[in-house]
Amino acid sequence: MNKIISYIIPTPIGNLKDISYRSIQKLNDSQLIIVENINRTLKLLTYYNIKKKMIKYNKINEHNKINNIIKYIKKNNINTFSLLTDAGYPSISDPGYLLIKKLIKLKITIECLPGSNSILPSLIVSGFPINEFTFIGYLTKKNIKNKIYNIKKENRTIVFFDSPHRFINTLRVLIKILGENKKIVIYKEISKLHETIIRGSIKKIYNKYKSFNIKGELTYVINNK
């Protein structure tokens, strides 16, 4: 196999301008772009006037798609390509890990560019100690209780993602396991029009928002110090 370079490129989590100049350069240099959702990525590429071949690669098809992607790269003599997700970094609660693992096995050069994500901004604006922190991914209906019981055992600041339709239920579980006075910060719709930072005790936030129809992705930060 010829010398191949793959670029891991973080995409904006809200404002389309939240992408580095270097990332745009690498997308322009790429002969192929591997994406989570073609329509979502097309909006970003169109905004920056980039026209490239795209291959869809997501959580549904990632196990079956990897070998086809490698075959396509070999067959078409691709020597530069990029891996993107809909928002933020591939592999962080998004597809990418399995493909990256395969690229490493094939000794394909990987460059990961710095850029947009929701974890670090949420930690920074929280005002909580972040010299050490633990990211526990997405809460789901199946894992929520176990993950929150594990949070109780932690001494570090905790950060996790949650969907808006579980918002009130998540607060109820947090109150039950961590107590109503536990301080949290919820960063909603980072870098978007309705960006909001919600601060306070879990009980105070629950009382204020229990009648609201919350929209947009949520990033929680919990102070365990």
C-alpha atoms as a PDB file:
ATOM      1  CA  MET A   1       0.000   0.000   0.000  1.00  0.00           C
ATOM      2  CA  ASN A   2       1.307   3.478  -0.903  1.00  0.00           C
ATOM      3  CA  LYS A   3       1.943   6.122   1.746  1.00  0.00           C
ATOM      4  CA  ILE A   4      -1.501   7.107   3.025  1.00  0.00           C
ATOM      5  CA  ILE A   5      -2.414   9.892   5.434  1.00  0.00           C
ATOM      6  CA  SER A   6      -5.731  10.019   7.274  1.00  0.00           C
ATOM      7  CA  TYR A   7      -6.964  13.169   8.995  1.00  0.00           C
ATOM      8  CA  ILE A   8      -9.298  13.012  12.007  1.00  0.00           C
ATOM      9  CA  ILE A   9     -11.155  16.317  11.772  1.00  0.00           C
ATOM     10  CA  PRO A  10     -13.492  17.651  14.479  1.00  0.00           C
ATOM     11  CA  THR A  11     -16.540  19.411  13.041  1.00  0.00           C
ATOM     12  CA  PRO A  12     -18.522  22.337  14.503  1.00  0.00           C
ATOM     13  CA  ILE A  13     -20.983  21.411  17.239  1.00  0.00           C
ATOM     14  CA  GLY A  14     -23.075  24.482  16.451  1.00  0.00           C
ATOM     15  CA  ASN A  15     -21.781  27.515  14.581  1.00  0.00           C
ATOM     16  CA  LEU A  16     -20.295  26.492  11.217  1.00  0.00           C
ATOM     17  CA  LYS A  17     -17.472  28.989  11.759  1.00  0.00           C
ATOM     18  CA  ASP A  18     -16.151  26.892  14.648  1.00  0.00           C
ATOM     19  CA  ILE A  19     -13.660  25.011  12.511  1.00  0.00           C
ATOM     20  CA  SER A  20      -9.992  25.765  12.075  1.00  0.00           C
ATOM     21  CA  TYR A  21      -8.405  27.105   8.910  1.00  0.00           C
ATOM     22  CA  ARG A  22      -6.090  24.089   8.918  1.00  0.00           C
ATOM     23  CA  SER A  23      -9.074  21.721   9.043  1.00  0.00           C
ATOM     24  CA  ILE A  24     -10.510  23.406   5.951  1.00  0.00           C
ATOM     25  CA  GLN A  25      -7.142  23.009   4.235  1.00  0.00           C
ATOM     26  CA  LYS A  26      -7.026  19.291   5.043  1.00  0.00           C
ATOM     27  CA  LEU A  27     -10.579  18.768   3.777  1.00  0.00           C
ATOM     28  CA  ASN A  28      -9.600  20.476   0.526  1.00  0.00           C
ATOM     29  CA  ASP A  29      -6.511  18.256   0.296  1.00  0.00           C
ATOM     30  CA  SER A  30      -8.466  15.045   0.912  1.00  0.00           C
ATOM     31  CA  GLN A  31      -9.373  12.793  -1.989  1.00  0.00           C
ATOM     32  CA  LEU A  32     -12.084  11.152   0.107  1.00  0.00           C
ATOM     33  CA  ILE A  33     -14.146  12.168   3.148  1.00  0.00           C
ATOM     34  CA  ILE A  34     -15.650   9.511   5.390  1.00  0.00           C
ATOM     35  CA  VAL A  35     -18.719  10.913   7.142  1.00  0.00           C
ATOM     36  CA  GLU A  36     -21.386   9.939   9.649  1.00  0.00           C
ATOM     37  CA  ASN A  37     -24.199  11.614   7.717  1.00  0.00           C
ATOM     38  CA  ILE A  38     -23.798  12.817   4.140  1.00  0.00           C
ATOM     39  CA  ASN A  39     -26.502  15.501   4.301  1.00  0.00           C
ATOM     40  CA  ARG A  40     -25.162  16.972   7.534  1.00  0.00           C
ATOM     41  CA  THR A  41     -21.595  17.052   6.240  1.00  0.00           C
ATOM     42  CA  LEU A  42     -22.723  18.466   2.899  1.00  0.00           C
ATOM     43  CA  LYS A  43     -23.962  21.597   4.685  1.00  0.00           C
ATOM     44  CA  LEU A  44     -20.493  22.148   6.148  1.00  0.00           C
ATOM     45  CA  LEU A  45     -18.672  21.420   2.881  1.00  0.00           C
ATOM     46  CA  THR A  46     -21.046  23.627   0.871  1.00  0.00           C
ATOM     47  CA  TYR A  47     -20.518  26.475   3.340  1.00  0.00           C
ATOM     48  CA  TYR A  48     -16.775  26.311   2.621  1.00  0.00           C
ATOM     49  CA  ASN A  49     -17.173  25.505  -1.086  1.00  0.00           C
ATOM     50  CA  ILE A  50     -15.595  22.047  -0.780  1.00  0.00           C
ATOM     51  CA  LYS A  51     -16.632  19.320  -3.215  1.00  0.00           C
ATOM     52  CA  LYS A  52     -15.342  15.839  -2.436  1.00  0.00           C
ATOM     53  CA  LYS A  53     -16.323  12.197  -2.695  1.00  0.00           C
ATOM     54  CA  MET A  54     -18.037  11.081   0.533  1.00  0.00           C
ATOM     55  CA  ILE A  55     -18.604   7.622   2.008  1.00  0.00           C
ATOM     56  CA  LYS A  56     -21.140   7.109   4.786  1.00  0.00           C
ATOM     57  CA  TYR A  57     -19.823   5.442   7.933  1.00  0.00           C
ATOM     58  CA  ASN A  58     -21.949   5.363  11.071  1.00  0.00           C
ATOM     59  CA  LYS A  59     -22.796   3.245  14.125  1.00  0.00           C
ATOM     60  CA  ILE A  60     -25.294   1.175  12.157  1.00  0.00           C
ATOM     61  CA  ASN A  61     -22.909   0.064   9.409  1.00  0.00           C
ATOM     62  CA  GLU A  62     -19.424   0.598  10.871  1.00  0.00           C
ATOM     63  CA  HIS A  63     -18.638  -3.090  11.491  1.00  0.00           C
ATOM     64  CA  ASN A  64     -19.505  -4.020   7.899  1.00  0.00           C
ATOM     65  CA  LYS A  65     -18.201  -0.895   6.199  1.00  0.00           C
ATOM     66  CA  ILE A  66     -14.564  -0.855   7.322  1.00  0.00           C
ATOM     67  CA  ASN A  67     -13.254  -3.441   4.840  1.00  0.00           C
ATOM     68  CA  ASN A  68     -15.195  -1.810   1.992  1.00  0.00           C
ATOM     69  CA  ILE A  69     -13.636   1.547   2.836  1.00  0.00           C
ATOM     70  CA  ILE A  70     -10.128   0.068   2.836  1.00  0.00           C
ATOM     71  CA  LYS A  71     -10.816  -1.685  -0.483  1.00  0.00           C
ATOM     72  CA  TYR A  72     -12.054   1.590  -1.988  1.00  0.00           C
ATOM     73  CA  ILE A  73      -8.943   3.427  -0.790  1.00  0.00           C
ATOM     74  CA  LYS A  74      -6.654   0.795  -2.337  1.00  0.00           C
ATOM     75  CA  LYS A  75      -8.589   0.470  -5.591  1.00  0.00           C
ATOM     76  CA  ASN A  76      -8.693   4.220  -6.198  1.00  0.00           C
ATOM     77  CA  ASN A  77      -5.131   4.946  -5.055  1.00  0.00           C
ATOM     78  CA  ILE A  78      -6.338   7.276  -2.334  1.00  0.00           C
ATOM     79  CA  ASN A  79      -3.413   8.713  -0.393  1.00  0.00           C
ATOM     80  CA  THR A  80      -5.194  11.400   1.656  1.00  0.00           C
ATOM     81  CA  PHE A  81      -8.597  11.110   3.280  1.00  0.00           C
ATOM     82  CA  SER A  82     -10.493  12.564   6.234  1.00  0.00           C
ATOM     83  CA  LEU A  83     -12.787  11.082   8.864  1.00  0.00           C
ATOM     84  CA  LEU A  84     -15.605  13.274  10.196  1.00  0.00           C
ATOM     85  CA  THR A  85     -18.608  12.923  12.446  1.00  0.00           C
ATOM     86  CA  ASP A  86     -21.754  15.067  12.505  1.00  0.00           C
ATOM     87  CA  ALA A  87     -20.501  17.248  15.351  1.00  0.00           C
ATOM     88  CA  GLY A  88     -17.316  17.217  17.398  1.00  0.00           C
ATOM     89  CA  TYR A  89     -14.774  14.396  17.310  1.00  0.00           C
ATOM     90  CA  PRO A  90     -15.086  10.932  15.793  1.00  0.00           C
ATOM     91  CA  SER A  91     -14.875   8.198  18.473  1.00  0.00           C
ATOM     92  CA  ILE A  92     -16.187  10.371  21.333  1.00  0.00           C
ATOM     93  CA  SER A  93     -19.726   8.974  21.679  1.00  0.00           C
ATOM     94  CA  ASP A  94     -19.718   8.817  17.874  1.00  0.00           C
ATOM     95  CA  PRO A  95     -18.474   6.309  15.273  1.00  0.00           C
ATOM     96  CA  GLY A  96     -14.788   6.230  14.436  1.00  0.00           C
ATOM     97  CA  TYR A  97     -13.044   4.012  16.966  1.00  0.00           C
ATOM     98  CA  LEU A  98     -13.209   0.798  14.912  1.00  0.00           C
ATOM     99  CA  LEU A  99     -11.984   2.461  11.727  1.00  0.00           C
ATOM    100  CA  ILE A 100      -9.147   4.217  13.536  1.00  0.00           C
ATOM    101  CA  LYS A 101      -8.146   0.910  15.115  1.00  0.00           C
ATOM    102  CA  LYS A 102      -8.046  -0.639  11.618  1.00  0.00           C
ATOM    103  CA  LEU A 103      -5.941   2.240  10.249  1.00  0.00           C
ATOM    104  CA  ILE A 104      -3.426   1.738  13.041  1.00  0.00           C
ATOM    105  CA  LYS A 105      -3.243  -1.974  12.259  1.00  0.00           C
ATOM    106  CA  LEU A 106      -2.572  -1.170   8.586  1.00  0.00           C
ATOM    107  CA  LYS A 107       0.126   1.337   9.627  1.00  0.00           C
ATOM    108  CA  ILE A 108      -1.716   4.184   7.909  1.00  0.00           C
ATOM    109  CA  THR A 109      -0.529   7.570   9.167  1.00  0.00           C
ATOM    110  CA  ILE A 110      -3.101   9.328  11.340  1.00  0.00           C
ATOM    111  CA  GLU A 111      -3.219  13.037  12.148  1.00  0.00           C
ATOM    112  CA  CYS A 112      -5.851  14.262  14.601  1.00  0.00           C
ATOM    113  CA  LEU A 113      -6.555  17.977  14.362  1.00  0.00           C
ATOM    114  CA  PRO A 114      -7.595  20.067  17.383  1.00  0.00           C
ATOM    115  CA  GLY A 115     -11.008  21.659  17.337  1.00  0.00           C
ATOM    116  CA  SER A 116     -14.607  21.853  18.424  1.00  0.00           C
ATOM    117  CA  ASN A 117     -16.032  19.686  21.207  1.00  0.00           C
ATOM    118  CA  SER A 118     -18.555  20.093  24.014  1.00  0.00           C
ATOM    119  CA  ILE A 119     -16.646  18.429  26.848  1.00  0.00           C
ATOM    120  CA  LEU A 120     -13.912  21.003  27.475  1.00  0.00           C
ATOM    121  CA  PRO A 121     -16.093  24.150  27.165  1.00  0.00           C
ATOM    122  CA  SER A 122     -18.574  22.644  29.630  1.00  0.00           C
ATOM    123  CA  LEU A 123     -15.847  21.819  32.133  1.00  0.00           C
ATOM    124  CA  ILE A 124     -14.277  25.247  31.840  1.00  0.00           C
ATOM    125  CA  VAL A 125     -17.492  27.268  32.285  1.00  0.00           C
ATOM    126  CA  SER A 126     -18.583  25.071  35.200  1.00  0.00           C
ATOM    127  CA  GLY A 127     -16.191  26.739  37.609  1.00  0.00           C
ATOM    128  CA  PHE A 128     -15.579  23.324  39.200  1.00  0.00           C
ATOM    129  CA  PRO A 129     -12.069  21.913  39.783  1.00  0.00           C
ATOM    130  CA  ILE A 130     -10.928  20.314  36.518  1.00  0.00           C
ATOM    131  CA  ASN A 131      -7.316  19.395  37.183  1.00  0.00           C
ATOM    132  CA  GLU A 132      -8.824  15.885  37.162  1.00  0.00           C
ATOM    133  CA  PHE A 133     -12.109  14.883  35.569  1.00  0.00           C
ATOM    134  CA  THR A 134     -13.943  11.807  34.290  1.00  0.00           C
ATOM    135  CA  PHE A 135     -16.010  11.654  31.089  1.00  0.00           C
ATOM    136  CA  ILE A 136     -18.631   8.883  31.181  1.00  0.00           C
ATOM    137  CA  GLY A 137     -20.237   9.299  27.753  1.00  0.00           C
ATOM    138  CA  TYR A 138     -24.007   9.260  27.174  1.00  0.00           C
ATOM    139  CA  LEU A 139     -26.573   8.338  29.748  1.00  0.00           C
ATOM    140  CA  THR A 140     -29.193   5.902  28.467  1.00  0.00           C
ATOM    141  CA  LYS A 141     -32.326   4.338  29.911  1.00  0.00           C
ATOM    142  CA  LYS A 142     -30.364   1.120  30.530  1.00  0.00           C
ATOM    143  CA  ASN A 143     -27.197   2.550  32.069  1.00  0.00           C
ATOM    144  CA  ILE A 144     -28.347   5.681  33.915  1.00  0.00           C
ATOM    145  CA  LYS A 145     -28.651   4.226  37.423  1.00  0.00           C
ATOM    146  CA  ASN A 146     -25.372   2.299  37.307  1.00  0.00           C
ATOM    147  CA  LYS A 147     -23.481   5.285  35.925  1.00  0.00           C
ATOM    148  CA  ILE A 148     -24.860   7.662  38.528  1.00  0.00           C
ATOM    149  CA  TYR A 149     -24.109   5.202  41.375  1.00  0.00           C
ATOM    150  CA  ASN A 150     -20.531   5.117  40.024  1.00  0.00           C
ATOM    151  CA  ILE A 151     -20.477   8.939  40.005  1.00  0.00           C
ATOM    152  CA  LYS A 152     -21.202   8.834  43.746  1.00  0.00           C
ATOM    153  CA  LYS A 153     -17.971   6.878  44.283  1.00  0.00           C
ATOM    154  CA  GLU A 154     -15.831   9.367  42.307  1.00  0.00           C
ATOM    155  CA  ASN A 155     -13.737  12.196  43.761  1.00  0.00           C
ATOM    156  CA  ARG A 156     -13.191  13.848  40.404  1.00  0.00           C
ATOM    157  CA  THR A 157     -15.427  16.245  38.482  1.00  0.00           C
ATOM    158  CA  ILE A 158     -17.768  14.280  36.200  1.00  0.00           C
ATOM    159  CA  VAL A 159     -18.942  15.213  32.714  1.00  0.00           C
ATOM    160  CA  PHE A 160     -21.482  13.373  30.560  1.00  0.00           C
ATOM    161  CA  PHE A 161     -23.938  13.812  27.680  1.00  0.00           C
ATOM    162  CA  ASP A 162     -27.706  13.421  27.807  1.00  0.00           C
ATOM    163  CA  SER A 163     -30.646  13.831  25.436  1.00  0.00           C
ATOM    164  CA  PRO A 164     -33.303  16.487  26.153  1.00  0.00           C
ATOM    165  CA  HIS A 165     -36.225  14.033  26.232  1.00  0.00           C
ATOM    166  CA  ARG A 166     -34.651  12.401  29.325  1.00  0.00           C
ATOM    167  CA  PHE A 167     -33.918  15.723  31.059  1.00  0.00           C
ATOM    168  CA  ILE A 168     -36.477  15.595  33.903  1.00  0.00           C
ATOM    169  CA  ASN A 169     -36.048  11.886  34.512  1.00  0.00           C
ATOM    170  CA  THR A 170     -32.263  12.330  34.692  1.00  0.00           C
ATOM    171  CA  LEU A 171     -32.687  15.066  37.292  1.00  0.00           C
ATOM    172  CA  ARG A 172     -34.982  12.811  39.322  1.00  0.00           C
ATOM    173  CA  VAL A 173     -32.423   9.981  39.293  1.00  0.00           C
ATOM    174  CA  LEU A 174     -29.628  12.416  40.202  1.00  0.00           C
ATOM    175  CA  ILE A 175     -31.654  13.698  43.161  1.00  0.00           C
ATOM    176  CA  LYS A 176     -32.417  10.162  44.348  1.00  0.00           C
ATOM    177  CA  ILE A 177     -28.822   8.935  44.182  1.00  0.00           C
ATOM    178  CA  LEU A 178     -26.649  12.051  44.676  1.00  0.00           C
ATOM    179  CA  GLY A 179     -28.988  14.178  46.789  1.00  0.00           C
ATOM    180  CA  GLU A 180     -30.956  17.321  46.014  1.00  0.00           C
ATOM    181  CA  ASN A 181     -28.201  19.724  47.130  1.00  0.00           C
ATOM    182  CA  LYS A 182     -25.500  18.426  44.766  1.00  0.00           C
ATOM    183  CA  LYS A 183     -24.193  21.279  42.574  1.00  0.00           C
ATOM    184  CA  ILE A 184     -24.299  20.759  38.809  1.00  0.00           C
ATOM    185  CA  VAL A 185     -23.893  22.738  35.603  1.00  0.00           C
ATOM    186  CA  ILE A 186     -25.778  21.881  32.425  1.00  0.00           C
ATOM    187  CA  TYR A 187     -24.514  23.423  29.182  1.00  0.00           C
ATOM    188  CA  LYS A 188     -27.262  23.360  26.548  1.00  0.00           C
ATOM    189  CA  GLU A 189     -26.822  23.809  22.783  1.00  0.00           C
ATOM    190  CA  ILE A 190     -23.198  24.910  22.925  1.00  0.00           C
ATOM    191  CA  SER A 191     -22.250  27.322  20.130  1.00  0.00           C
ATOM    192  CA  LYS A 192     -25.846  27.532  18.855  1.00  0.00           C
ATOM    193  CA  LEU A 193     -28.428  30.321  18.834  1.00  0.00           C
ATOM    194  CA  HIS A 194     -30.106  29.235  22.063  1.00  0.00           C
ATOM    195  CA  GLU A 195     -26.936  28.382  23.987  1.00  0.00           C
ATOM    196  CA  THR A 196     -27.714  28.299  27.714  1.00  0.00           C
ATOM    197  CA  ILE A 197     -25.745  27.570  30.882  1.00  0.00           C
ATOM    198  CA  ILE A 198     -27.883  26.214  33.743  1.00  0.00           C
ATOM    199  CA  ARG A 199     -26.290  26.308  37.216  1.00  0.00           C
ATOM    200  CA  GLY A 200     -27.364  25.358  40.707  1.00  0.00           C
ATOM    201  CA  SER A 201     -28.391  22.498  42.946  1.00  0.00           C
ATOM    202  CA  ILE A 202     -30.134  19.580  41.241  1.00  0.00           C
ATOM    203  CA  LYS A 203     -33.343  20.305  43.177  1.00  0.00           C
ATOM    204  CA  LYS A 204     -33.321  24.001  42.250  1.00  0.00           C
ATOM    205  CA  ILE A 205     -32.842  23.183  38.557  1.00  0.00           C
ATOM    206  CA  TYR A 206     -35.543  20.496  38.709  1.00  0.00           C
ATOM    207  CA  ASN A 207     -38.077  22.889  40.259  1.00  0.00           C
ATOM    208  CA  LYS A 208     -37.313  25.598  37.725  1.00  0.00           C
ATOM    209  CA  TYR A 209     -37.407  23.463  34.583  1.00  0.00           C
ATOM    210  CA  LYS A 210     -39.831  20.607  35.380  1.00  0.00           C
ATOM    211  CA  SER A 211     -42.573  22.239  33.282  1.00  0.00           C
ATOM    212  CA  PHE A 212     -40.260  23.206  30.394  1.00  0.00           C
ATOM    213  CA  ASN A 213     -39.915  21.369  27.094  1.00  0.00           C
ATOM    214  CA  ILE A 214     -36.116  21.349  26.934  1.00  0.00           C
ATOM    215  CA  LYS A 215     -34.564  21.079  23.455  1.00  0.00           C
ATOM    216  CA  GLY A 216     -31.016  20.540  22.226  1.00  0.00           C
ATOM    217  CA  GLU A 217     -28.171  18.295  23.366  1.00  0.00           C
ATOM    218  CA  LEU A 218     -27.099  18.628  26.984  1.00  0.00           C
ATOM    219  CA  THR A 219     -23.684  18.332  28.632  1.00  0.00           C
ATOM    220  CA  TYR A 220     -23.732  17.884  32.419  1.00  0.00           C
ATOM    221  CA  VAL A 221     -20.881  18.679  34.782  1.00  0.00           C
ATOM    222  CA  ILE A 222     -21.066  17.460  38.396  1.00  0.00           C
ATOM    223  CA  ASN A 223     -18.795  18.691  41.177  1.00  0.00           C
ATOM    224  CA  ASN A 224     -17.619  15.798  43.346  1.00  0.00           C
ATOM    225  CA  LYS A 225     -15.037  17.733  45.344  1.00  0.00           C
END
